[in-house]
PDB file of all heavy atoms in Angstrom:
ATOM      1  N   LEU A   1     -22.799  -7.512   8.373  1.00  0.00           N
ATOM      2  CA  LEU A   1     -22.619  -8.704   9.212  1.00  0.00           C
ATOM      3  C   LEU A   1     -21.190  -9.126   9.449  1.00  0.00           C
ATOM      4  O   LEU A   1     -20.910 -10.087  10.206  1.00  0.00           O
ATOM      5  CB  LEU A   1     -23.398  -9.827   8.576  1.00  0.00           C
ATOM      6  CG  LEU A   1     -24.936  -9.635   8.372  1.00  0.00           C
ATOM      7  CD1 LEU A   1     -25.624 -10.748   7.620  1.00  0.00           C
ATOM      8  CD2 LEU A   1     -25.657  -9.512   9.790  1.00  0.00           C
ATOM      9  N   ALA A   2     -20.349  -8.529   8.598  1.00  0.00           N
ATOM     10  CA  ALA A   2     -18.883  -8.903   8.703  1.00  0.00           C
ATOM     11  C   ALA A   2     -18.201  -8.381   9.973  1.00  0.00           C
ATOM     12  O   ALA A   2     -18.581  -7.372  10.474  1.00  0.00           O
ATOM     13  CB  ALA A   2     -18.219  -8.398   7.507  1.00  0.00           C
ATOM     14  N   ARG A   3     -17.358  -9.175  10.419  1.00  0.00           N
ATOM     15  CA  ARG A   3     -16.504  -8.739  11.613  1.00  0.00           C
ATOM     16  C   ARG A   3     -15.020  -8.796  11.196  1.00  0.00           C
ATOM     17  O   ARG A   3     -14.350  -9.833  11.206  1.00  0.00           O
ATOM     18  CB  ARG A   3     -16.655  -9.713  12.792  1.00  0.00           C
ATOM     19  CG  ARG A   3     -18.090  -9.726  13.387  1.00  0.00           C
ATOM     20  CD  ARG A   3     -18.337  -8.344  14.118  1.00  0.00           C
ATOM     21  NE  ARG A   3     -19.713  -8.327  14.596  1.00  0.00           N
ATOM     22  CZ  ARG A   3     -20.784  -7.735  13.894  1.00  0.00           C
ATOM     23  NH1 ARG A   3     -20.577  -7.375  12.686  1.00  0.00           N
ATOM     24  NH2 ARG A   3     -21.908  -7.773  14.439  1.00  0.00           N
ATOM     25  N   TYR A   4     -14.572  -7.628  10.754  1.00  0.00           N
ATOM     26  CA  TYR A   4     -13.193  -7.523  10.137  1.00  0.00           C
ATOM     27  C   TYR A   4     -12.230  -6.994  11.156  1.00  0.00           C
ATOM     28  O   TYR A   4     -12.400  -6.019  11.801  1.00  0.00           O
ATOM     29  CB  TYR A   4     -13.233  -6.700   8.920  1.00  0.00           C
ATOM     30  CG  TYR A   4     -11.904  -6.470   8.294  1.00  0.00           C
ATOM     31  CD1 TYR A   4     -11.314  -7.519   7.443  1.00  0.00           C
ATOM     32  CD2 TYR A   4     -11.199  -5.257   8.367  1.00  0.00           C
ATOM     33  CE1 TYR A   4     -10.118  -7.400   6.953  1.00  0.00           C
ATOM     34  CE2 TYR A   4      -9.972  -5.161   7.772  1.00  0.00           C
ATOM     35  CZ  TYR A   4      -9.414  -6.235   6.989  1.00  0.00           C
ATOM     36  OH  TYR A   4      -8.151  -6.111   6.465  1.00  0.00           O
ATOM     37  N   VAL A   5     -11.085  -7.756  11.222  1.00  0.00           N
ATOM     38  CA  VAL A   5      -9.964  -7.333  12.067  1.00  0.00           C
ATOM     39  C   VAL A   5      -8.769  -6.999  11.151  1.00  0.00           C
ATOM     40  O   VAL A   5      -8.423  -7.850  10.393  1.00  0.00           O
ATOM     41  CB  VAL A   5      -9.587  -8.408  13.080  1.00  0.00           C
ATOM     42  CG1 VAL A   5      -8.422  -8.004  13.908  1.00  0.00           C
ATOM     43  CG2 VAL A   5     -10.849  -8.790  13.916  1.00  0.00           C
ATOM     44  N   PRO A   6      -8.246  -5.879  11.318  1.00  0.00           N
ATOM     45  CA  PRO A   6      -7.140  -5.418  10.441  1.00  0.00           C
ATOM     46  C   PRO A   6      -5.941  -6.485  10.571  1.00  0.00           C
ATOM     47  O   PRO A   6      -5.787  -7.034  11.604  1.00  0.00           O
ATOM     48  CB  PRO A   6      -6.730  -4.045  10.920  1.00  0.00           C
ATOM     49  CG  PRO A   6      -8.016  -3.592  11.525  1.00  0.00           C
ATOM     50  CD  PRO A   6      -8.635  -4.704  12.077  1.00  0.00           C
ATOM     51  N   ASN A   7      -5.207  -6.594   9.446  1.00  0.00           N
ATOM     52  CA  ASN A   7      -4.068  -7.437   9.500  1.00  0.00           C
ATOM     53  C   ASN A   7      -3.026  -7.019  10.477  1.00  0.00           C
ATOM     54  O   ASN A   7      -2.358  -6.073  10.366  1.00  0.00           O
ATOM     55  CB  ASN A   7      -3.439  -7.571   8.066  1.00  0.00           C
ATOM     56  CG  ASN A   7      -2.433  -8.644   7.880  1.00  0.00           C
ATOM     57  OD1 ASN A   7      -2.017  -9.324   8.783  1.00  0.00           O
ATOM     58  ND2 ASN A   7      -1.975  -8.773   6.677  1.00  0.00           N
ATOM     59  N   LYS A   8      -2.860  -7.918  11.425  1.00  0.00           N
ATOM     60  CA  LYS A   8      -1.930  -7.616  12.553  1.00  0.00           C
ATOM     61  C   LYS A   8      -0.427  -7.752  12.101  1.00  0.00           C
ATOM     62  O   LYS A   8       0.511  -7.302  12.720  1.00  0.00           O
ATOM     63  CB  LYS A   8      -2.185  -8.465  13.765  1.00  0.00           C
ATOM     64  CG  LYS A   8      -3.495  -8.111  14.409  1.00  0.00           C
ATOM     65  CD  LYS A   8      -3.679  -9.062  15.645  1.00  0.00           C
ATOM     66  CE  LYS A   8      -5.041  -8.780  16.354  1.00  0.00           C
ATOM     67  NZ  LYS A   8      -5.300  -9.557  17.473  1.00  0.00           N
ATOM     68  N   GLY A   9      -0.256  -8.430  10.946  1.00  0.00           N
ATOM     69  CA  GLY A   9       1.056  -8.709  10.427  1.00  0.00           C
ATOM     70  C   GLY A   9       1.609  -7.492   9.702  1.00  0.00           C
ATOM     71  O   GLY A   9       2.814  -7.460   9.427  1.00  0.00           O
ATOM     72  N   VAL A  10       0.722  -6.485   9.492  1.00  0.00           N
ATOM     73  CA  VAL A  10       1.253  -5.224   8.754  1.00  0.00           C
ATOM     74  C   VAL A  10       1.991  -4.341   9.779  1.00  0.00           C
ATOM     75  O   VAL A  10       1.437  -4.027  10.823  1.00  0.00           O
ATOM     76  CB  VAL A  10       0.045  -4.566   8.086  1.00  0.00           C
ATOM     77  CG1 VAL A  10       0.515  -3.188   7.493  1.00  0.00           C
ATOM     78  CG2 VAL A  10      -0.664  -5.392   7.132  1.00  0.00           C
ATOM     79  N   THR A  11       3.154  -3.913   9.457  1.00  0.00           N
ATOM     80  CA  THR A  11       3.891  -3.079  10.236  1.00  0.00           C
ATOM     81  C   THR A  11       4.020  -1.706   9.697  1.00  0.00           C
ATOM     82  O   THR A  11       3.695  -1.421   8.476  1.00  0.00           O
ATOM     83  CB  THR A  11       5.312  -3.574  10.490  1.00  0.00           C
ATOM     84  OG1 THR A  11       5.919  -3.796   9.156  1.00  0.00           O
ATOM     85  CG2 THR A  11       5.272  -4.975  11.125  1.00  0.00           C
ATOM     86  N   GLY A  12       4.515  -0.732  10.392  1.00  0.00           N
ATOM     87  CA  GLY A  12       4.684   0.668  10.025  1.00  0.00           C
ATOM     88  C   GLY A  12       3.665   1.522  10.594  1.00  0.00           C
ATOM     89  O   GLY A  12       2.653   1.138  11.244  1.00  0.00           O
ATOM     90  N   ASP A  13       3.816   2.804  10.374  1.00  0.00           N
ATOM     91  CA  ASP A  13       2.979   3.804  10.951  1.00  0.00           C
ATOM     92  C   ASP A  13       1.790   4.097   9.922  1.00  0.00           C
ATOM     93  O   ASP A  13       2.067   4.513   8.888  1.00  0.00           O
ATOM     94  CB  ASP A  13       3.754   5.212  11.160  1.00  0.00           C
ATOM     95  CG  ASP A  13       3.010   6.241  11.871  1.00  0.00           C
ATOM     96  OD1 ASP A  13       1.698   6.053  12.030  1.00  0.00           O
ATOM     97  OD2 ASP A  13       3.431   7.225  12.229  1.00  0.00           O
ATOM     98  N   PRO A  14       0.594   3.826  10.349  1.00  0.00           N
ATOM     99  CA  PRO A  14      -0.602   3.933   9.452  1.00  0.00           C
ATOM    100  C   PRO A  14      -0.839   5.419   9.139  1.00  0.00           C
ATOM    101  O   PRO A  14      -1.369   5.694   8.017  1.00  0.00           O
ATOM    102  CB  PRO A  14      -1.710   3.290  10.220  1.00  0.00           C
ATOM    103  CG  PRO A  14      -1.335   3.406  11.607  1.00  0.00           C
ATOM    104  CD  PRO A  14       0.233   3.252  11.629  1.00  0.00           C
ATOM    105  N   HIS A  15      -0.417   6.251   9.949  1.00  0.00           N
ATOM    106  CA  HIS A  15      -0.694   7.737   9.748  1.00  0.00           C
ATOM    107  C   HIS A  15       0.352   8.314   8.763  1.00  0.00           C
ATOM    108  O   HIS A  15       0.173   9.533   8.425  1.00  0.00           O
ATOM    109  CB  HIS A  15      -0.616   8.482  11.033  1.00  0.00           C
ATOM    110  CG  HIS A  15      -1.806   8.032  12.015  1.00  0.00           C
ATOM    111  ND1 HIS A  15      -3.033   8.426  11.780  1.00  0.00           N
ATOM    112  CD2 HIS A  15      -1.617   7.272  13.131  1.00  0.00           C
ATOM    113  CE1 HIS A  15      -3.765   7.795  12.848  1.00  0.00           C
ATOM    114  NE2 HIS A  15      -2.846   7.103  13.543  1.00  0.00           N
ATOM    115  N   LEU A  16       1.374   7.539   8.335  1.00  0.00           N
ATOM    116  CA  LEU A  16       2.261   7.966   7.352  1.00  0.00           C
ATOM    117  C   LEU A  16       2.224   7.201   6.086  1.00  0.00           C
ATOM    118  O   LEU A  16       3.077   7.204   5.194  1.00  0.00           O
ATOM    119  CB  LEU A  16       3.790   8.074   7.985  1.00  0.00           C
ATOM    120  CG  LEU A  16       4.089   9.009   9.024  1.00  0.00           C
ATOM    121  CD1 LEU A  16       5.393   8.828   9.632  1.00  0.00           C
ATOM    122  CD2 LEU A  16       3.824  10.455   8.502  1.00  0.00           C
ATOM    123  N   THR A  17       1.152   6.378   6.009  1.00  0.00           N
ATOM    124  CA  THR A  17       1.082   5.414   4.873  1.00  0.00           C
ATOM    125  C   THR A  17       0.031   5.930   3.850  1.00  0.00           C
ATOM    126  O   THR A  17      -1.028   6.297   4.272  1.00  0.00           O
ATOM    127  CB  THR A  17       0.758   4.025   5.455  1.00  0.00           C
ATOM    128  OG1 THR A  17       1.734   3.601   6.351  1.00  0.00           O
ATOM    129  CG2 THR A  17       0.648   3.008   4.278  1.00  0.00           C
ATOM    130  N   LEU A  18       0.352   5.769   2.641  1.00  0.00           N
ATOM    131  CA  LEU A  18      -0.484   6.122   1.492  1.00  0.00           C
ATOM    132  C   LEU A  18      -1.042   4.831   0.831  1.00  0.00           C
ATOM    133  O   LEU A  18      -0.162   3.782   0.673  1.00  0.00           O
ATOM    134  CB  LEU A  18       0.362   6.898   0.511  1.00  0.00           C
ATOM    135  CG  LEU A  18      -0.391   7.842  -0.358  1.00  0.00           C
ATOM    136  CD1 LEU A  18      -1.138   9.058   0.473  1.00  0.00           C
ATOM    137  CD2 LEU A  18       0.527   8.453  -1.388  1.00  0.00           C
ATOM    138  N   PHE A  19      -2.297   4.840   0.475  1.00  0.00           N
ATOM    139  CA  PHE A  19      -2.965   3.710  -0.258  1.00  0.00           C
ATOM    140  C   PHE A  19      -2.947   4.171  -1.694  1.00  0.00           C
ATOM    141  O   PHE A  19      -3.465   5.166  -2.106  1.00  0.00           O
ATOM    142  CB  PHE A  19      -4.260   3.463   0.256  1.00  0.00           C
ATOM    143  CG  PHE A  19      -5.126   2.542  -0.475  1.00  0.00           C
ATOM    144  CD1 PHE A  19      -4.722   1.237  -0.602  1.00  0.00           C
ATOM    145  CD2 PHE A  19      -6.199   2.925  -1.167  1.00  0.00           C
ATOM    146  CE1 PHE A  19      -5.510   0.304  -1.377  1.00  0.00           C
ATOM    147  CE2 PHE A  19      -6.957   2.089  -2.025  1.00  0.00           C
ATOM    148  CZ  PHE A  19      -6.617   0.703  -2.047  1.00  0.00           C
ATOM    149  N   VAL A  20      -2.419   3.270  -2.609  1.00  0.00           N
ATOM    150  CA  VAL A  20      -2.326   3.503  -4.043  1.00  0.00           C
ATOM    151  C   VAL A  20      -3.075   2.326  -4.696  1.00  0.00           C
ATOM    152  O   VAL A  20      -2.740   1.139  -4.597  1.00  0.00           O
ATOM    153  CB  VAL A  20      -0.977   3.587  -4.601  1.00  0.00           C
ATOM    154  CG1 VAL A  20      -0.945   3.920  -6.040  1.00  0.00           C
ATOM    155  CG2 VAL A  20      -0.138   4.550  -3.736  1.00  0.00           C
ATOM    156  N   ALA A  21      -4.149   2.673  -5.555  1.00  0.00           N
ATOM    157  CA  ALA A  21      -5.023   1.679  -6.105  1.00  0.00           C
ATOM    158  C   ALA A  21      -4.993   1.905  -7.677  1.00  0.00           C
ATOM    159  O   ALA A  21      -4.591   2.859  -8.154  1.00  0.00           O
ATOM    160  CB  ALA A  21      -6.343   1.636  -5.530  1.00  0.00           C
ATOM    161  N   ARG A  22      -5.714   0.892  -8.282  1.00  0.00           N
ATOM    162  CA  ARG A  22      -5.958   0.996  -9.779  1.00  0.00           C
ATOM    163  C   ARG A  22      -4.640   0.912 -10.512  1.00  0.00           C
ATOM    164  O   ARG A  22      -4.491   1.608 -11.689  1.00  0.00           O
ATOM    165  CB  ARG A  22      -6.815   2.196 -10.217  1.00  0.00           C
ATOM    166  CG  ARG A  22      -8.170   2.302  -9.469  1.00  0.00           C
ATOM    167  CD  ARG A  22      -8.804   3.592  -9.806  1.00  0.00           C
ATOM    168  NE  ARG A  22     -10.045   3.629  -8.986  1.00  0.00           N
ATOM    169  CZ  ARG A  22     -10.765   4.810  -8.790  1.00  0.00           C
ATOM    170  NH1 ARG A  22     -10.322   5.848  -9.479  1.00  0.00           N
ATOM    171  NH2 ARG A  22     -11.767   4.858  -8.071  1.00  0.00           N
ATOM    172  N   LEU A  23      -3.688   0.199 -10.043  1.00  0.00           N
ATOM    173  CA  LEU A  23      -2.418   0.046 -10.665  1.00  0.00           C
ATOM    174  C   LEU A  23      -2.423  -0.862 -11.778  1.00  0.00           C
ATOM    175  O   LEU A  23      -3.274  -1.872 -11.889  1.00  0.00           O
ATOM    176  CB  LEU A  23      -1.355  -0.416  -9.674  1.00  0.00           C
ATOM    177  CG  LEU A  23      -1.061   0.543  -8.523  1.00  0.00           C
ATOM    178  CD1 LEU A  23      -0.127  -0.192  -7.540  1.00  0.00           C
ATOM    179  CD2 LEU A  23      -0.269   1.839  -9.098  1.00  0.00           C
ATOM    180  N   ASN A  24      -1.539  -0.656 -12.819  1.00  0.00           N
ATOM    181  CA  ASN A  24      -1.399  -1.634 -13.915  1.00  0.00           C
ATOM    182  C   ASN A  24      -0.811  -2.920 -13.186  1.00  0.00           C
ATOM    183  O   ASN A  24       0.071  -2.899 -12.339  1.00  0.00           O
ATOM    184  CB  ASN A  24      -0.449  -1.144 -14.880  1.00  0.00           C
ATOM    185  CG  ASN A  24      -0.386  -2.028 -16.108  1.00  0.00           C
ATOM    186  OD1 ASN A  24      -0.346  -3.194 -16.067  1.00  0.00           O
ATOM    187  ND2 ASN A  24      -0.259  -1.387 -17.234  1.00  0.00           N
ATOM    188  N   LEU A  25      -1.303  -4.082 -13.523  1.00  0.00           N
ATOM    189  CA  LEU A  25      -0.893  -5.308 -12.982  1.00  0.00           C
ATOM    190  C   LEU A  25       0.603  -5.580 -13.248  1.00  0.00           C
ATOM    191  O   LEU A  25       1.251  -6.484 -12.668  1.00  0.00           O
ATOM    192  CB  LEU A  25      -1.781  -6.542 -13.436  1.00  0.00           C
ATOM    193  CG  LEU A  25      -3.218  -6.429 -13.103  1.00  0.00           C
ATOM    194  CD1 LEU A  25      -4.003  -7.701 -13.596  1.00  0.00           C
ATOM    195  CD2 LEU A  25      -3.442  -6.248 -11.575  1.00  0.00           C
ATOM    196  N   GLN A  26       1.198  -4.877 -14.187  1.00  0.00           N
ATOM    197  CA  GLN A  26       2.510  -5.077 -14.613  1.00  0.00           C
ATOM    198  C   GLN A  26       3.430  -4.052 -13.837  1.00  0.00           C
ATOM    199  O   GLN A  26       4.720  -4.157 -14.002  1.00  0.00           O
ATOM    200  CB  GLN A  26       2.726  -4.853 -16.146  1.00  0.00           C
ATOM    201  CG  GLN A  26       1.924  -5.759 -17.057  1.00  0.00           C
ATOM    202  CD  GLN A  26       2.122  -7.270 -16.670  1.00  0.00           C
ATOM    203  OE1 GLN A  26       3.227  -7.738 -16.462  1.00  0.00           O
ATOM    204  NE2 GLN A  26       1.037  -8.063 -16.680  1.00  0.00           N
ATOM    205  N   THR A  27       2.848  -3.170 -13.041  1.00  0.00           N
ATOM    206  CA  THR A  27       3.666  -2.204 -12.341  1.00  0.00           C
ATOM    207  C   THR A  27       4.410  -2.826 -11.190  1.00  0.00           C
ATOM    208  O   THR A  27       3.829  -3.578 -10.458  1.00  0.00           O
ATOM    209  CB  THR A  27       2.742  -1.062 -11.780  1.00  0.00           C
ATOM    210  OG1 THR A  27       2.187  -0.376 -12.954  1.00  0.00           O
ATOM    211  CG2 THR A  27       3.524  -0.040 -11.074  1.00  0.00           C
ATOM    212  N   THR A  28       5.698  -2.571 -11.052  1.00  0.00           N
ATOM    213  CA  THR A  28       6.517  -3.162  -9.983  1.00  0.00           C
ATOM    214  C   THR A  28       6.773  -2.149  -8.834  1.00  0.00           C
ATOM    215  O   THR A  28       6.510  -0.998  -8.958  1.00  0.00           O
ATOM    216  CB  THR A  28       7.824  -3.631 -10.684  1.00  0.00           C
ATOM    217  OG1 THR A  28       8.529  -2.491 -11.105  1.00  0.00           O
ATOM    218  CG2 THR A  28       7.640  -4.558 -11.755  1.00  0.00           C
ATOM    219  N   GLU A  29       7.414  -2.738  -7.740  1.00  0.00           N
ATOM    220  CA  GLU A  29       7.837  -1.905  -6.743  1.00  0.00           C
ATOM    221  C   GLU A  29       8.883  -0.801  -7.131  1.00  0.00           C
ATOM    222  O   GLU A  29       8.808   0.317  -6.640  1.00  0.00           O
ATOM    223  CB  GLU A  29       8.436  -2.728  -5.529  1.00  0.00           C
ATOM    224  CG  GLU A  29       7.438  -3.551  -4.757  1.00  0.00           C
ATOM    225  CD  GLU A  29       7.187  -4.988  -5.405  1.00  0.00           C
ATOM    226  OE1 GLU A  29       7.569  -5.120  -6.611  1.00  0.00           O
ATOM    227  OE2 GLU A  29       6.696  -5.832  -4.721  1.00  0.00           O
ATOM    228  N   GLU A  30       9.778  -1.183  -7.997  1.00  0.00           N
ATOM    229  CA  GLU A  30      10.695  -0.288  -8.465  1.00  0.00           C
ATOM    230  C   GLU A  30      10.155   0.915  -9.220  1.00  0.00           C
ATOM    231  O   GLU A  30      10.582   2.127  -8.966  1.00  0.00           O
ATOM    232  CB  GLU A  30      11.734  -0.978  -9.453  1.00  0.00           C
ATOM    233  CG  GLU A  30      12.705  -2.081  -8.724  1.00  0.00           C
ATOM    234  CD  GLU A  30      11.910  -3.264  -8.399  1.00  0.00           C
ATOM    235  OE1 GLU A  30      10.801  -3.572  -8.890  1.00  0.00           O
ATOM    236  OE2 GLU A  30      12.496  -3.967  -7.484  1.00  0.00           O
ATOM    237  N   LYS A  31       9.068   0.635 -10.051  1.00  0.00           N
ATOM    238  CA  LYS A  31       8.394   1.749 -10.669  1.00  0.00           C
ATOM    239  C   LYS A  31       7.643   2.725  -9.730  1.00  0.00           C
ATOM    240  O   LYS A  31       7.744   3.922  -9.823  1.00  0.00           O
ATOM    241  CB  LYS A  31       7.318   1.178 -11.683  1.00  0.00           C
ATOM    242  CG  LYS A  31       6.603   2.151 -12.451  1.00  0.00           C
ATOM    243  CD  LYS A  31       7.619   2.953 -13.459  1.00  0.00           C
ATOM    244  CE  LYS A  31       6.807   3.902 -14.261  1.00  0.00           C
ATOM    245  NZ  LYS A  31       7.757   4.597 -15.189  1.00  0.00           N
ATOM    246  N   LEU A  32       7.034   2.071  -8.614  1.00  0.00           N
ATOM    247  CA  LEU A  32       6.372   2.938  -7.666  1.00  0.00           C
ATOM    248  C   LEU A  32       7.388   3.787  -6.865  1.00  0.00           C
ATOM    249  O   LEU A  32       7.138   4.980  -6.580  1.00  0.00           O
ATOM    250  CB  LEU A  32       5.624   1.976  -6.712  1.00  0.00           C
ATOM    251  CG  LEU A  32       4.356   1.237  -7.310  1.00  0.00           C
ATOM    252  CD1 LEU A  32       3.830   0.336  -6.224  1.00  0.00           C
ATOM    253  CD2 LEU A  32       3.307   2.270  -7.640  1.00  0.00           C
ATOM    254  N   LYS A  33       8.583   3.181  -6.567  1.00  0.00           N
ATOM    255  CA  LYS A  33       9.536   3.902  -5.792  1.00  0.00           C
ATOM    256  C   LYS A  33       9.975   5.025  -6.672  1.00  0.00           C
ATOM    257  O   LYS A  33      10.318   6.143  -6.171  1.00  0.00           O
ATOM    258  CB  LYS A  33      10.677   2.993  -5.445  1.00  0.00           C
ATOM    259  CG  LYS A  33      11.724   3.667  -4.556  1.00  0.00           C
ATOM    260  CD  LYS A  33      12.812   2.653  -4.044  1.00  0.00           C
ATOM    261  CE  LYS A  33      13.887   3.315  -3.203  1.00  0.00           C
ATOM    262  NZ  LYS A  33      14.834   2.343  -2.672  1.00  0.00           N
ATOM    263  N   GLU A  34      10.253   4.851  -7.962  1.00  0.00           N
ATOM    264  CA  GLU A  34      10.747   5.955  -8.867  1.00  0.00           C
ATOM    265  C   GLU A  34       9.714   7.108  -8.866  1.00  0.00           C
ATOM    266  O   GLU A  34      10.139   8.240  -8.947  1.00  0.00           O
ATOM    267  CB  GLU A  34      10.894   5.231 -10.282  1.00  0.00           C
ATOM    268  CG  GLU A  34      11.340   6.309 -11.369  1.00  0.00           C
ATOM    269  CD  GLU A  34      11.319   5.764 -12.700  1.00  0.00           C
ATOM    270  OE1 GLU A  34      11.258   4.511 -12.850  1.00  0.00           O
ATOM    271  OE2 GLU A  34      11.417   6.495 -13.667  1.00  0.00           O
ATOM    272  N   VAL A  35       8.466   6.778  -8.942  1.00  0.00           N
ATOM    273  CA  VAL A  35       7.353   7.836  -9.080  1.00  0.00           C
ATOM    274  C   VAL A  35       7.185   8.559  -7.798  1.00  0.00           C
ATOM    275  O   VAL A  35       7.173   9.714  -7.653  1.00  0.00           O
ATOM    276  CB  VAL A  35       6.103   7.210  -9.629  1.00  0.00           C
ATOM    277  CG1 VAL A  35       4.953   8.329  -9.583  1.00  0.00           C
ATOM    278  CG2 VAL A  35       6.246   6.679 -11.029  1.00  0.00           C
ATOM    279  N   PHE A  36       7.063   7.828  -6.637  1.00  0.00           N
ATOM    280  CA  PHE A  36       6.578   8.458  -5.368  1.00  0.00           C
ATOM    281  C   PHE A  36       7.747   8.967  -4.486  1.00  0.00           C
ATOM    282  O   PHE A  36       7.533   9.710  -3.666  1.00  0.00           O
ATOM    283  CB  PHE A  36       5.736   7.409  -4.620  1.00  0.00           C
ATOM    284  CG  PHE A  36       4.343   7.215  -5.108  1.00  0.00           C
ATOM    285  CD1 PHE A  36       4.023   6.259  -5.980  1.00  0.00           C
ATOM    286  CD2 PHE A  36       3.359   8.092  -4.569  1.00  0.00           C
ATOM    287  CE1 PHE A  36       2.800   6.051  -6.486  1.00  0.00           C
ATOM    288  CE2 PHE A  36       2.094   7.899  -5.102  1.00  0.00           C
ATOM    289  CZ  PHE A  36       1.739   6.879  -6.063  1.00  0.00           C
ATOM    290  N   SER A  37       9.014   8.682  -4.932  1.00  0.00           N
ATOM    291  CA  SER A  37      10.066   9.221  -4.284  1.00  0.00           C
ATOM    292  C   SER A  37      10.274  10.778  -4.561  1.00  0.00           C
ATOM    293  O   SER A  37      11.062  11.455  -3.935  1.00  0.00           O
ATOM    294  CB  SER A  37      11.440   8.476  -4.547  1.00  0.00           C
ATOM    295  OG  SER A  37      11.622   8.460  -5.985  1.00  0.00           O
ATOM    296  N   ARG A  38       9.561  11.194  -5.546  1.00  0.00           N
ATOM    297  CA  ARG A  38       9.584  12.626  -5.917  1.00  0.00           C
ATOM    298  C   ARG A  38       9.080  13.504  -4.812  1.00  0.00           C
ATOM    299  O   ARG A  38       9.482  14.645  -4.705  1.00  0.00           O
ATOM    300  CB  ARG A  38       8.835  12.987  -7.331  1.00  0.00           C
ATOM    301  CG  ARG A  38       9.136  12.030  -8.427  1.00  0.00           C
ATOM    302  CD  ARG A  38       8.197  12.331  -9.542  1.00  0.00           C
ATOM    303  NE  ARG A  38       8.371  11.394 -10.667  1.00  0.00           N
ATOM    304  CZ  ARG A  38       7.532  11.215 -11.668  1.00  0.00           C
ATOM    305  NH1 ARG A  38       6.365  11.898 -11.674  1.00  0.00           N
ATOM    306  NH2 ARG A  38       7.770  10.351 -12.632  1.00  0.00           N
TER     307      ARG A  38
END
């Protein structure tokens, strides 16, 4: 019954974007950059 519209405020190329879930709530952007920049 839901009518969901994707967030129009999100920018960037969706076909080059990775979704990362189940993160520790203490994990920061710096830690993610350190790991995924490999």
